[in-house]
Amino acid sequence: MRVLVTGGAGFIGHHVIAYLLGKTDWEIVSLDRLDYSGNLNRLSDALKDMGEAKRRVRVVHHDLKAAINPHVASHIGKVDIILHLAAGSHVDRSIEYPLEFAMDNVIGTVNILDFARTQNLERFVYFSTDEVFGPAPQGVAYLERDRYNCTNPYSASKAAGEEFAVAYQNTYGLPIYITHTMNVFGPRQSPEKYIPMVIKRVLAKQKVMVHSDRDKTKVGSRHYIHACDVADALLFLLVMQPKTDPDFGGAKCPKFNIVGASEIDNLHIGQMIANQLGQDLIYELVDFHSSRPGHDLRYALDGSLMARLGWEPRPVSERLASTVQWFTGHQEWL
């Protein structure tokens, strides 16, 4: 089995590659343009103790804003599975440069889908986000086929990529799965992201800004999930090949929410990190939602479909503890 992972040098992508190498005998091709989010140091660090297994990885450099030409295709070779994780994902940057995200996440997706048509694939997985559904009112967790309400250009570009994936299944018969996940964390994550940022600031005894409502009485919350759980869920889907019934309108492209075990607010996450480090959390509640467009107080996905199929993530407390421990021993990544 040969698997092409787009964005393989990115945060989630490198964890997926390491996990697949450890759990299977598959060959992996990592396709990445190696910009600010793609970092080969991640891959080399994750694979350094994997012995002969790392010989099953091949890295190909390519920017998916351009079609995969015959020269690049020859370096990739024939593949059985494509995991399309490559994407621009920084919300603030998408607000400033929306066209850049349309190019990366829409044109880039069409280019990899066109390449997929030249392969005899077992599966193409389009990796999407909870943000396509928009903010979730209290008590609401979105199911896979609920309506979309994009609140920033990033989420709109991911939703557009989804629709192209659906269209390519309907038009060309590509065997496509779509996954939604949210707030992934783990080793080697950029210190711009919330959990490594909190770890860095707590270690330095600095103040942590915590996302809240305008009145600063309600803190933003998420379903945090570890990157290894995401990789495990992807492998579960690839091995089990679950079938889902078309919905009432005949939509047959299966969608799956990959969700953390429990919803936790950002202040609680900060306190958990500080407690593990033996420190007090110095924090300030900040109203990002009103002052910055495209930032929502609460996102929530319903993970019951994956649970019914037989997959569930590890407890967030367990995963968070191991992540804090890893970063304290590898502070060069902060």
C-alpha atoms as a PDB file:
ATOM      1  CA  MET A   1       0.000   0.000   0.000  1.00  0.00           C
ATOM      2  CA  ARG A   2       1.310   3.450  -0.949  1.00  0.00           C
ATOM      3  CA  VAL A   3      -0.169   6.564   0.662  1.00  0.00           C
ATOM      4  CA  LEU A   4       0.256  10.154  -0.487  1.00  0.00           C
ATOM      5  CA  VAL A   5      -0.036  12.676   2.360  1.00  0.00           C
ATOM      6  CA  THR A   6      -0.309  16.284   1.215  1.00  0.00           C
ATOM      7  CA  GLY A   7       1.005  18.727   3.798  1.00  0.00           C
ATOM      8  CA  GLY A   8       3.116  15.937   5.263  1.00  0.00           C
ATOM      9  CA  ALA A   9       5.614  18.351   6.816  1.00  0.00           C
ATOM     10  CA  GLY A  10       2.825  20.265   8.565  1.00  0.00           C
ATOM     11  CA  PHE A  11       1.808  19.805  12.177  1.00  0.00           C
ATOM     12  CA  ILE A  12      -0.996  17.264  11.705  1.00  0.00           C
ATOM     13  CA  GLY A  13       0.540  15.756   8.575  1.00  0.00           C
ATOM     14  CA  HIS A  14       3.816  14.752  10.205  1.00  0.00           C
ATOM     15  CA  HIS A  15       1.964  13.082  13.069  1.00  0.00           C
ATOM     16  CA  VAL A  16      -0.152  11.141  10.571  1.00  0.00           C
ATOM     17  CA  ILE A  17       2.956   9.972   8.725  1.00  0.00           C
ATOM     18  CA  ALA A  18       4.726   8.872  11.927  1.00  0.00           C
ATOM     19  CA  TYR A  19       1.605   7.075  13.139  1.00  0.00           C
ATOM     20  CA  LEU A  20       1.056   5.202   9.868  1.00  0.00           C
ATOM     21  CA  LEU A  21       4.709   4.138   9.779  1.00  0.00           C
ATOM     22  CA  GLY A  22       4.427   2.779  13.312  1.00  0.00           C
ATOM     23  CA  LYS A  23       1.140   0.937  12.784  1.00  0.00           C
ATOM     24  CA  THR A  24       1.431  -0.356   9.202  1.00  0.00           C
ATOM     25  CA  ASP A  25       3.955  -1.513   6.615  1.00  0.00           C
ATOM     26  CA  TRP A  26       2.737   1.088   4.125  1.00  0.00           C
ATOM     27  CA  GLU A  27       4.978   3.291   2.014  1.00  0.00           C
ATOM     28  CA  ILE A  28       4.383   7.024   2.448  1.00  0.00           C
ATOM     29  CA  VAL A  29       4.928   9.914   0.060  1.00  0.00           C
ATOM     30  CA  SER A  30       4.871  13.365   1.672  1.00  0.00           C
ATOM     31  CA  LEU A  31       3.946  16.206  -0.679  1.00  0.00           C
ATOM     32  CA  ASP A  32       4.676  19.681   0.709  1.00  0.00           C
ATOM     33  CA  ARG A  33       5.706  23.133  -0.468  1.00  0.00           C
ATOM     34  CA  LEU A  34       7.709  23.666   2.745  1.00  0.00           C
ATOM     35  CA  ASP A  35       6.570  27.170   3.640  1.00  0.00           C
ATOM     36  CA  TYR A  36       6.089  28.664   7.131  1.00  0.00           C
ATOM     37  CA  SER A  37       3.724  25.840   8.158  1.00  0.00           C
ATOM     38  CA  GLY A  38       5.606  22.961   6.527  1.00  0.00           C
ATOM     39  CA  ASN A  39       8.827  22.090   8.316  1.00  0.00           C
ATOM     40  CA  LEU A  40      11.004  19.083   7.467  1.00  0.00           C
ATOM     41  CA  ASN A  41      12.529  19.325  10.939  1.00  0.00           C
ATOM     42  CA  ARG A  42       9.190  18.061  12.255  1.00  0.00           C
ATOM     43  CA  LEU A  43       9.368  14.947  10.124  1.00  0.00           C
ATOM     44  CA  SER A  44      13.013  14.227  10.864  1.00  0.00           C
ATOM     45  CA  ASP A  45      12.464  14.709  14.607  1.00  0.00           C
ATOM     46  CA  ALA A  46       9.350  12.517  14.658  1.00  0.00           C
ATOM     47  CA  LEU A  47      11.047   9.739  12.665  1.00  0.00           C
ATOM     48  CA  LYS A  48      14.530   9.837  14.210  1.00  0.00           C
ATOM     49  CA  ASP A  49      13.882   6.847  16.494  1.00  0.00           C
ATOM     50  CA  MET A  50      11.866   4.774  14.010  1.00  0.00           C
ATOM     51  CA  GLY A  51      14.804   2.841  12.590  1.00  0.00           C
ATOM     52  CA  GLU A  52      14.242   1.185   9.217  1.00  0.00           C
ATOM     53  CA  ALA A  53      10.614   2.364   9.103  1.00  0.00           C
ATOM     54  CA  LYS A  54      11.642   5.883   8.112  1.00  0.00           C
ATOM     55  CA  ARG A  55      13.043   4.463   4.877  1.00  0.00           C
ATOM     56  CA  ARG A  56       9.423   4.011   3.788  1.00  0.00           C
ATOM     57  CA  VAL A  57       8.968   7.799   3.546  1.00  0.00           C
ATOM     58  CA  ARG A  58       9.657   9.801   0.417  1.00  0.00           C
ATOM     59  CA  VAL A  59       9.421  13.610   0.400  1.00  0.00           C
ATOM     60  CA  VAL A  60       8.369  15.432  -2.775  1.00  0.00           C
ATOM     61  CA  HIS A  61       8.407  19.229  -2.975  1.00  0.00           C
ATOM     62  CA  HIS A  62       5.463  20.836  -4.781  1.00  0.00           C
ATOM     63  CA  ASP A  63       3.077  23.764  -4.350  1.00  0.00           C
ATOM     64  CA  LEU A  64      -0.469  22.615  -5.138  1.00  0.00           C
ATOM     65  CA  LYS A  65      -1.418  26.030  -6.483  1.00  0.00           C
ATOM     66  CA  ALA A  66       0.117  24.516  -9.625  1.00  0.00           C
ATOM     67  CA  ALA A  67      -1.156  21.319 -11.221  1.00  0.00           C
ATOM     68  CA  ILE A  68       0.842  18.151 -10.632  1.00  0.00           C
ATOM     69  CA  ASN A  69       2.826  17.930 -13.852  1.00  0.00           C
ATOM     70  CA  PRO A  70       4.294  14.693 -15.273  1.00  0.00           C
ATOM     71  CA  HIS A  71       7.691  15.373 -13.676  1.00  0.00           C
ATOM     72  CA  VAL A  72       6.206  15.725 -10.159  1.00  0.00           C
ATOM     73  CA  ALA A  73       3.857  12.793 -10.800  1.00  0.00           C
ATOM     74  CA  SER A  74       6.822  10.585 -11.695  1.00  0.00           C
ATOM     75  CA  HIS A  75       8.423  11.377  -8.331  1.00  0.00           C
ATOM     76  CA  ILE A  76       5.178  10.576  -6.504  1.00  0.00           C
ATOM     77  CA  GLY A  77       4.559   7.359  -8.411  1.00  0.00           C
ATOM     78  CA  LYS A  78       1.377   5.315  -8.215  1.00  0.00           C
ATOM     79  CA  VAL A  79      -0.519   5.591  -4.943  1.00  0.00           C
ATOM     80  CA  ASP A  80      -3.473   3.717  -3.441  1.00  0.00           C
ATOM     81  CA  ILE A  81      -4.652   6.339  -0.921  1.00  0.00           C
ATOM     82  CA  ILE A  82      -4.480  10.130  -0.840  1.00  0.00           C
ATOM     83  CA  LEU A  83      -4.826  11.998   2.460  1.00  0.00           C
ATOM     84  CA  HIS A  84      -5.282  15.658   1.549  1.00  0.00           C
ATOM     85  CA  LEU A  85      -4.191  17.618   4.625  1.00  0.00           C
ATOM     86  CA  ALA A  86      -2.347  20.480   2.899  1.00  0.00           C
ATOM     87  CA  ALA A  87      -4.077  23.804   3.537  1.00  0.00           C
ATOM     88  CA  GLY A  88      -3.619  27.376   4.610  1.00  0.00           C
ATOM     89  CA  SER A  89      -5.173  27.447   8.072  1.00  0.00           C
ATOM     90  CA  HIS A  90      -4.379  30.746   9.809  1.00  0.00           C
ATOM     91  CA  VAL A  91      -7.679  32.595  10.314  1.00  0.00           C
ATOM     92  CA  ASP A  92      -6.128  36.051  10.813  1.00  0.00           C
ATOM     93  CA  ARG A  93      -4.066  35.675   7.652  1.00  0.00           C
ATOM     94  CA  SER A  94      -7.140  34.563   5.693  1.00  0.00           C
ATOM     95  CA  ILE A  95      -8.933  37.742   6.744  1.00  0.00           C
ATOM     96  CA  GLU A  96      -6.041  39.842   5.468  1.00  0.00           C
ATOM     97  CA  TYR A  97      -5.333  37.786   2.329  1.00  0.00           C
ATOM     98  CA  PRO A  98      -8.533  35.941   1.316  1.00  0.00           C
ATOM     99  CA  LEU A  99      -7.432  35.285  -2.258  1.00  0.00           C
ATOM    100  CA  GLU A 100      -4.326  33.492  -0.989  1.00  0.00           C
ATOM    101  CA  PHE A 101      -6.600  31.044   0.850  1.00  0.00           C
ATOM    102  CA  ALA A 102      -8.825  30.552  -2.172  1.00  0.00           C
ATOM    103  CA  MET A 103      -5.715  29.611  -4.155  1.00  0.00           C
ATOM    104  CA  ASP A 104      -4.299  27.274  -1.496  1.00  0.00           C
ATOM    105  CA  ASN A 105      -7.468  25.584  -0.304  1.00  0.00           C
ATOM    106  CA  VAL A 106      -9.712  25.626  -3.371  1.00  0.00           C
ATOM    107  CA  ILE A 107      -7.373  25.592  -6.386  1.00  0.00           C
ATOM    108  CA  GLY A 108      -4.955  23.364  -4.463  1.00  0.00           C
ATOM    109  CA  THR A 109      -7.752  20.896  -3.735  1.00  0.00           C
ATOM    110  CA  VAL A 110      -8.902  20.828  -7.371  1.00  0.00           C
ATOM    111  CA  ASN A 111      -5.327  20.146  -8.488  1.00  0.00           C
ATOM    112  CA  ILE A 112      -4.905  17.169  -6.136  1.00  0.00           C
ATOM    113  CA  LEU A 113      -8.362  15.878  -7.105  1.00  0.00           C
ATOM    114  CA  ASP A 114      -7.345  16.022 -10.756  1.00  0.00           C
ATOM    115  CA  PHE A 115      -4.219  14.042  -9.923  1.00  0.00           C
ATOM    116  CA  ALA A 116      -6.402  11.551  -8.016  1.00  0.00           C
ATOM    117  CA  ARG A 117      -8.348  10.905 -11.211  1.00  0.00           C
ATOM    118  CA  THR A 118      -5.170   9.490 -12.792  1.00  0.00           C
ATOM    119  CA  GLN A 119      -4.813   6.924 -10.000  1.00  0.00           C
ATOM    120  CA  ASN A 120      -6.806   3.785  -9.236  1.00  0.00           C
ATOM    121  CA  LEU A 121      -7.495   4.874  -5.663  1.00  0.00           C
ATOM    122  CA  GLU A 122      -8.900   2.896  -2.791  1.00  0.00           C
ATOM    123  CA  ARG A 123      -9.685   6.137  -0.924  1.00  0.00           C
ATOM    124  CA  PHE A 124      -9.257   9.894  -1.048  1.00  0.00           C
ATOM    125  CA  VAL A 125      -9.690  11.675   2.312  1.00  0.00           C
ATOM    126  CA  TYR A 126     -10.351  15.417   2.344  1.00  0.00           C
ATOM    127  CA  PHE A 127      -9.380  16.817   5.724  1.00  0.00           C
ATOM    128  CA  SER A 128     -11.757  19.636   6.684  1.00  0.00           C
ATOM    129  CA  THR A 129     -12.561  21.680   9.770  1.00  0.00           C
ATOM    130  CA  ASP A 130     -15.282  22.359  12.319  1.00  0.00           C
ATOM    131  CA  GLU A 131     -15.178  26.014  11.283  1.00  0.00           C
ATOM    132  CA  VAL A 132     -17.272  25.341   8.166  1.00  0.00           C
ATOM    133  CA  PHE A 133     -20.282  25.074  10.500  1.00  0.00           C
ATOM    134  CA  GLY A 134     -19.594  28.409  12.174  1.00  0.00           C
ATOM    135  CA  PRO A 135     -20.215  29.250  15.842  1.00  0.00           C
ATOM    136  CA  ALA A 136     -22.204  26.740  17.886  1.00  0.00           C
ATOM    137  CA  PRO A 137     -24.878  28.029  20.294  1.00  0.00           C
ATOM    138  CA  GLN A 138     -24.735  26.540  23.777  1.00  0.00           C
ATOM    139  CA  GLY A 139     -26.103  23.000  23.729  1.00  0.00           C
ATOM    140  CA  VAL A 140     -25.601  22.535  19.980  1.00  0.00           C
ATOM    141  CA  ALA A 141     -23.027  20.138  18.481  1.00  0.00           C
ATOM    142  CA  TYR A 142     -23.058  19.914  14.703  1.00  0.00           C
ATOM    143  CA  LEU A 143     -23.607  16.630  12.896  1.00  0.00           C
ATOM    144  CA  GLU A 144     -21.700  15.770   9.736  1.00  0.00           C
ATOM    145  CA  ARG A 145     -24.367  16.998   7.316  1.00  0.00           C
ATOM    146  CA  ASP A 146     -25.662  20.058   9.159  1.00  0.00           C
ATOM    147  CA  ARG A 147     -25.739  23.375   7.284  1.00  0.00           C
ATOM    148  CA  TYR A 148     -22.605  25.463   6.889  1.00  0.00           C
ATOM    149  CA  ASN A 149     -22.139  29.048   8.087  1.00  0.00           C
ATOM    150  CA  CYS A 150     -18.577  30.166   7.362  1.00  0.00           C
ATOM    151  CA  THR A 151     -17.497  33.208   9.364  1.00  0.00           C
ATOM    152  CA  ASN A 152     -14.092  33.840   7.783  1.00  0.00           C
ATOM    153  CA  PRO A 153     -12.331  33.269   4.429  1.00  0.00           C
ATOM    154  CA  TYR A 154     -10.390  30.291   5.814  1.00  0.00           C
ATOM    155  CA  SER A 155     -13.534  28.326   6.652  1.00  0.00           C
ATOM    156  CA  ALA A 156     -15.159  29.381   3.370  1.00  0.00           C
ATOM    157  CA  SER A 157     -12.173  28.062   1.421  1.00  0.00           C
ATOM    158  CA  LYS A 158     -12.336  24.735   3.280  1.00  0.00           C
ATOM    159  CA  ALA A 159     -16.082  24.457   2.624  1.00  0.00           C
ATOM    160  CA  ALA A 160     -15.465  25.154  -1.073  1.00  0.00           C
ATOM    161  CA  GLY A 161     -12.812  22.432  -1.138  1.00  0.00           C
ATOM    162  CA  GLU A 162     -15.326  20.037   0.410  1.00  0.00           C
ATOM    163  CA  GLU A 163     -17.859  20.787  -2.298  1.00  0.00           C
ATOM    164  CA  PHE A 164     -15.285  20.114  -5.003  1.00  0.00           C
ATOM    165  CA  ALA A 165     -14.519  16.787  -3.327  1.00  0.00           C
ATOM    166  CA  VAL A 166     -18.224  15.929  -3.317  1.00  0.00           C
ATOM    167  CA  ALA A 167     -18.499  16.982  -6.962  1.00  0.00           C
ATOM    168  CA  TYR A 168     -15.553  14.801  -7.969  1.00  0.00           C
ATOM    169  CA  GLN A 169     -17.168  11.792  -6.305  1.00  0.00           C
ATOM    170  CA  ASN A 170     -20.499  12.517  -8.007  1.00  0.00           C
ATOM    171  CA  THR A 171     -18.964  13.321 -11.394  1.00  0.00           C
ATOM    172  CA  TYR A 172     -15.956  11.024 -11.646  1.00  0.00           C
ATOM    173  CA  GLY A 173     -16.718   8.329  -9.076  1.00  0.00           C
ATOM    174  CA  LEU A 174     -13.717   9.051  -6.851  1.00  0.00           C
ATOM    175  CA  PRO A 175     -13.975   7.123  -3.535  1.00  0.00           C
ATOM    176  CA  ILE A 176     -13.946  10.114  -1.172  1.00  0.00           C
ATOM    177  CA  TYR A 177     -14.323  10.539   2.581  1.00  0.00           C
ATOM    178  CA  ILE A 178     -14.560  13.963   4.225  1.00  0.00           C
ATOM    179  CA  THR A 179     -13.498  14.463   7.828  1.00  0.00           C
ATOM    180  CA  HIS A 180     -14.089  17.403  10.185  1.00  0.00           C
ATOM    181  CA  THR A 181     -11.909  17.947  13.198  1.00  0.00           C
ATOM    182  CA  MET A 182     -11.066  20.809  15.544  1.00  0.00           C
ATOM    183  CA  ASN A 183      -8.350  22.196  17.801  1.00  0.00           C
ATOM    184  CA  VAL A 184      -5.725  19.529  17.293  1.00  0.00           C
ATOM    185  CA  PHE A 185      -2.724  19.647  19.635  1.00  0.00           C
ATOM    186  CA  GLY A 186       0.451  17.694  20.356  1.00  0.00           C
ATOM    187  CA  PRO A 187       4.253  17.761  20.093  1.00  0.00           C
ATOM    188  CA  ARG A 188       5.944  20.120  17.616  1.00  0.00           C
ATOM    189  CA  GLN A 189       2.930  22.393  17.282  1.00  0.00           C
ATOM    190  CA  SER A 190       3.635  26.040  16.492  1.00  0.00           C
ATOM    191  CA  PRO A 191       3.891  28.191  19.653  1.00  0.00           C
ATOM    192  CA  GLU A 192       1.353  30.519  17.993  1.00  0.00           C
ATOM    193  CA  LYS A 193      -1.312  27.936  18.855  1.00  0.00           C
ATOM    194  CA  TYR A 194      -3.091  28.055  22.196  1.00  0.00           C
ATOM    195  CA  ILE A 195      -1.763  25.021  24.076  1.00  0.00           C
ATOM    196  CA  PRO A 196       1.973  25.452  23.302  1.00  0.00           C
ATOM    197  CA  MET A 197       1.545  29.194  23.800  1.00  0.00           C
ATOM    198  CA  VAL A 198       0.134  28.599  27.297  1.00  0.00           C
ATOM    199  CA  ILE A 199       2.932  26.152  28.103  1.00  0.00           C
ATOM    200  CA  LYS A 200       5.530  28.699  26.991  1.00  0.00           C
ATOM    201  CA  ARG A 201       3.960  31.553  28.968  1.00  0.00           C
ATOM    202  CA  VAL A 202       3.425  29.515  32.130  1.00  0.00           C
ATOM    203  CA  LEU A 203       7.054  28.360  32.060  1.00  0.00           C
ATOM    204  CA  ALA A 204       8.120  32.007  31.688  1.00  0.00           C
ATOM    205  CA  LYS A 205       5.626  33.161  34.373  1.00  0.00           C
ATOM    206  CA  GLN A 206       3.926  35.426  31.828  1.00  0.00           C
ATOM    207  CA  LYS A 207       0.264  36.374  31.462  1.00  0.00           C
ATOM    208  CA  VAL A 208      -2.004  34.229  29.280  1.00  0.00           C
ATOM    209  CA  MET A 209      -4.790  35.910  27.267  1.00  0.00           C
ATOM    210  CA  VAL A 210      -7.947  33.787  27.399  1.00  0.00           C
ATOM    211  CA  HIS A 211     -10.725  34.179  24.806  1.00  0.00           C
ATOM    212  CA  SER A 212     -14.033  35.285  26.377  1.00  0.00           C
ATOM    213  CA  ASP A 213     -17.304  37.052  25.579  1.00  0.00           C
ATOM    214  CA  ARG A 214     -17.755  40.848  25.559  1.00  0.00           C
ATOM    215  CA  ASP A 215     -18.745  40.917  29.239  1.00  0.00           C
ATOM    216  CA  LYS A 216     -15.730  38.761  30.161  1.00  0.00           C
ATOM    217  CA  THR A 217     -17.976  36.364  32.065  1.00  0.00           C
ATOM    218  CA  LYS A 218     -17.997  33.430  29.638  1.00  0.00           C
ATOM    219  CA  VAL A 219     -14.875  31.730  28.298  1.00  0.00           C
ATOM    220  CA  GLY A 220     -14.524  30.231  24.832  1.00  0.00           C
ATOM    221  CA  SER A 221     -14.628  26.446  24.627  1.00  0.00           C
ATOM    222  CA  ARG A 222     -13.495  23.740  22.205  1.00  0.00           C
ATOM    223  CA  HIS A 223     -13.304  19.959  21.807  1.00  0.00           C
ATOM    224  CA  TYR A 224      -9.510  19.591  21.897  1.00  0.00           C
ATOM    225  CA  ILE A 225      -8.055  16.449  20.324  1.00  0.00           C
ATOM    226  CA  HIS A 226      -4.516  15.089  20.182  1.00  0.00           C
ATOM    227  CA  ALA A 227      -2.864  14.668  16.768  1.00  0.00           C
ATOM    228  CA  CYS A 228      -2.254  10.973  17.451  1.00  0.00           C
ATOM    229  CA  ASP A 229      -5.987  10.481  18.003  1.00  0.00           C
ATOM    230  CA  VAL A 230      -6.649  12.180  14.667  1.00  0.00           C
ATOM    231  CA  ALA A 231      -4.131   9.864  12.986  1.00  0.00           C
ATOM    232  CA  ASP A 232      -5.695   6.864  14.710  1.00  0.00           C
ATOM    233  CA  ALA A 233      -9.166   7.888  13.487  1.00  0.00           C
ATOM    234  CA  LEU A 234      -7.885   8.259   9.913  1.00  0.00           C
ATOM    235  CA  LEU A 235      -6.307   4.791  10.041  1.00  0.00           C
ATOM    236  CA  PHE A 236      -9.553   3.404  11.492  1.00  0.00           C
ATOM    237  CA  LEU A 237     -11.503   4.824   8.545  1.00  0.00           C
ATOM    238  CA  LEU A 238      -8.990   3.537   5.999  1.00  0.00           C
ATOM    239  CA  VAL A 239      -8.998   0.013   7.434  1.00  0.00           C
ATOM    240  CA  MET A 240     -12.687  -0.311   8.303  1.00  0.00           C
ATOM    241  CA  GLN A 241     -13.967   1.449   5.153  1.00  0.00           C
ATOM    242  CA  PRO A 242     -17.338   2.197   6.810  1.00  0.00           C
ATOM    243  CA  LYS A 243     -20.356   2.768   4.633  1.00  0.00           C
ATOM    244  CA  THR A 244     -22.929   5.452   5.315  1.00  0.00           C
ATOM    245  CA  ASP A 245     -26.340   5.744   3.746  1.00  0.00           C
ATOM    246  CA  PRO A 246     -26.976   8.640   1.347  1.00  0.00           C
ATOM    247  CA  ASP A 247     -29.018  11.383   2.976  1.00  0.00           C
ATOM    248  CA  PHE A 248     -32.551  12.319   1.947  1.00  0.00           C
ATOM    249  CA  GLY A 249     -31.235  14.359  -0.979  1.00  0.00           C
ATOM    250  CA  GLY A 250     -29.059  11.535  -2.261  1.00  0.00           C
ATOM    251  CA  ALA A 251     -25.708  12.922  -1.092  1.00  0.00           C
ATOM    252  CA  LYS A 252     -23.459   9.886  -0.886  1.00  0.00           C
ATOM    253  CA  CYS A 253     -20.008  11.295  -0.066  1.00  0.00           C
ATOM    254  CA  PRO A 254     -19.468  10.027   3.523  1.00  0.00           C
ATOM    255  CA  LYS A 255     -18.495  12.606   6.146  1.00  0.00           C
ATOM    256  CA  PHE A 256     -17.068  11.903   9.611  1.00  0.00           C
ATOM    257  CA  ASN A 257     -16.517  14.177  12.620  1.00  0.00           C
ATOM    258  CA  ILE A 258     -13.248  13.392  14.441  1.00  0.00           C
ATOM    259  CA  VAL A 259     -13.862  14.995  17.812  1.00  0.00           C
ATOM    260  CA  GLY A 260     -12.100  15.256  21.162  1.00  0.00           C
ATOM    261  CA  ALA A 261     -13.529  13.272  24.057  1.00  0.00           C
ATOM    262  CA  SER A 262     -14.984  16.248  25.930  1.00  0.00           C
ATOM    263  CA  GLU A 263     -15.641  19.966  25.590  1.00  0.00           C
ATOM    264  CA  ILE A 264     -13.288  22.062  27.703  1.00  0.00           C
ATOM    265  CA  ASP A 265     -13.127  25.832  28.039  1.00  0.00           C
ATOM    266  CA  ASN A 266      -9.846  27.609  27.399  1.00  0.00           C
ATOM    267  CA  LEU A 267      -9.435  28.804  30.987  1.00  0.00           C
ATOM    268  CA  HIS A 268      -9.721  25.247  32.276  1.00  0.00           C
ATOM    269  CA  ILE A 269      -7.136  24.088  29.728  1.00  0.00           C
ATOM    270  CA  GLY A 270      -4.791  26.835  30.935  1.00  0.00           C
ATOM    271  CA  GLN A 271      -5.301  25.847  34.555  1.00  0.00           C
ATOM    272  CA  MET A 272      -4.656  22.172  33.771  1.00  0.00           C
ATOM    273  CA  ILE A 273      -1.366  23.107  32.103  1.00  0.00           C
ATOM    274  CA  ALA A 274      -0.309  25.392  34.966  1.00  0.00           C
ATOM    275  CA  ASN A 275      -1.158  22.745  37.568  1.00  0.00           C
ATOM    276  CA  GLN A 276       0.945  20.159  35.789  1.00  0.00           C
ATOM    277  CA  LEU A 277       3.863  22.595  35.692  1.00  0.00           C
ATOM    278  CA  GLY A 278       3.422  23.404  39.381  1.00  0.00           C
ATOM    279  CA  GLN A 279       2.631  27.056  38.638  1.00  0.00           C
ATOM    280  CA  ASP A 280      -0.254  29.462  39.128  1.00  0.00           C
ATOM    281  CA  LEU A 281      -1.983  30.552  35.936  1.00  0.00           C
ATOM    282  CA  ILE A 282      -1.598  34.288  35.387  1.00  0.00           C
ATOM    283  CA  TYR A 283      -4.355  35.210  32.957  1.00  0.00           C
ATOM    284  CA  GLU A 284      -6.606  37.914  31.559  1.00  0.00           C
ATOM    285  CA  LEU A 285      -9.966  37.411  29.854  1.00  0.00           C
ATOM    286  CA  VAL A 286      -9.961  39.080  26.420  1.00  0.00           C
ATOM    287  CA  ASP A 287     -12.908  39.685  24.083  1.00  0.00           C
ATOM    288  CA  PHE A 288     -11.455  38.480  20.772  1.00  0.00           C
ATOM    289  CA  HIS A 289     -14.919  37.752  19.370  1.00  0.00           C
ATOM    290  CA  SER A 290     -16.026  41.391  19.194  1.00  0.00           C
ATOM    291  CA  SER A 291     -12.680  43.001  18.412  1.00  0.00           C
ATOM    292  CA  ARG A 292     -11.462  40.562  15.749  1.00  0.00           C
ATOM    293  CA  PRO A 293     -13.696  39.432  12.877  1.00  0.00           C
ATOM    294  CA  GLY A 294     -13.899  35.737  12.094  1.00  0.00           C
ATOM    295  CA  HIS A 295     -13.210  34.497  15.648  1.00  0.00           C
ATOM    296  CA  ASP A 296     -16.052  32.639  17.348  1.00  0.00           C
ATOM    297  CA  LEU A 297     -16.531  31.925  21.029  1.00  0.00           C
ATOM    298  CA  ARG A 298     -17.642  28.319  20.745  1.00  0.00           C
ATOM    299  CA  TYR A 299     -17.288  25.561  18.181  1.00  0.00           C
ATOM    300  CA  ALA A 300     -18.725  22.081  18.694  1.00  0.00           C
ATOM    301  CA  LEU A 301     -18.972  18.873  16.682  1.00  0.00           C
ATOM    302  CA  ASP A 302     -21.009  15.747  17.417  1.00  0.00           C
ATOM    303  CA  GLY A 303     -18.757  12.669  17.482  1.00  0.00           C
ATOM    304  CA  SER A 304     -21.514  10.075  17.883  1.00  0.00           C
ATOM    305  CA  LEU A 305     -21.185   8.639  14.368  1.00  0.00           C
ATOM    306  CA  MET A 306     -17.540   7.638  14.875  1.00  0.00           C
ATOM    307  CA  ALA A 307     -18.428   6.265  18.327  1.00  0.00           C
ATOM    308  CA  ARG A 308     -21.172   4.084  16.817  1.00  0.00           C
ATOM    309  CA  LEU A 309     -18.682   2.801  14.250  1.00  0.00           C
ATOM    310  CA  GLY A 310     -16.338   1.799  17.083  1.00  0.00           C
ATOM    311  CA  TRP A 311     -13.800   4.622  17.372  1.00  0.00           C
ATOM    312  CA  GLU A 312     -13.318   7.017  20.284  1.00  0.00           C
ATOM    313  CA  PRO A 313     -10.392   9.281  21.288  1.00  0.00           C
ATOM    314  CA  ARG A 314      -8.284   9.042  24.423  1.00  0.00           C
ATOM    315  CA  PRO A 315      -9.176  11.350  27.369  1.00  0.00           C
ATOM    316  CA  VAL A 316      -8.027  14.936  26.849  1.00  0.00           C
ATOM    317  CA  SER A 317      -6.485  15.097  30.344  1.00  0.00           C
ATOM    318  CA  GLU A 318      -4.226  12.143  29.543  1.00  0.00           C
ATOM    319  CA  ARG A 319      -3.187  13.536  26.166  1.00  0.00           C
ATOM    320  CA  LEU A 320      -2.647  17.036  27.551  1.00  0.00           C
ATOM    321  CA  ALA A 321      -0.403  15.734  30.329  1.00  0.00           C
ATOM    322  CA  SER A 322       1.827  13.891  27.857  1.00  0.00           C
ATOM    323  CA  THR A 323       1.997  16.973  25.610  1.00  0.00           C
ATOM    324  CA  VAL A 324       3.020  19.280  28.471  1.00  0.00           C
ATOM    325  CA  GLN A 325       5.664  16.765  29.509  1.00  0.00           C
ATOM    326  CA  TRP A 326       6.974  16.556  25.938  1.00  0.00           C
ATOM    327  CA  PHE A 327       7.275  20.337  25.527  1.00  0.00           C
ATOM    328  CA  THR A 328       9.025  20.789  28.873  1.00  0.00           C
ATOM    329  CA  GLY A 329      11.668  18.361  27.647  1.00  0.00           C
ATOM    330  CA  HIS A 330      11.857  19.908  24.147  1.00  0.00           C
ATOM    331  CA  GLN A 331      11.612  23.644  24.785  1.00  0.00           C
ATOM    332  CA  GLU A 332      13.405  24.442  21.522  1.00  0.00           C
ATOM    333  CA  TRP A 333       9.988  23.875  19.879  1.00  0.00           C
ATOM    334  CA  LEU A 334       8.515  26.719  21.956  1.00  0.00           C
END
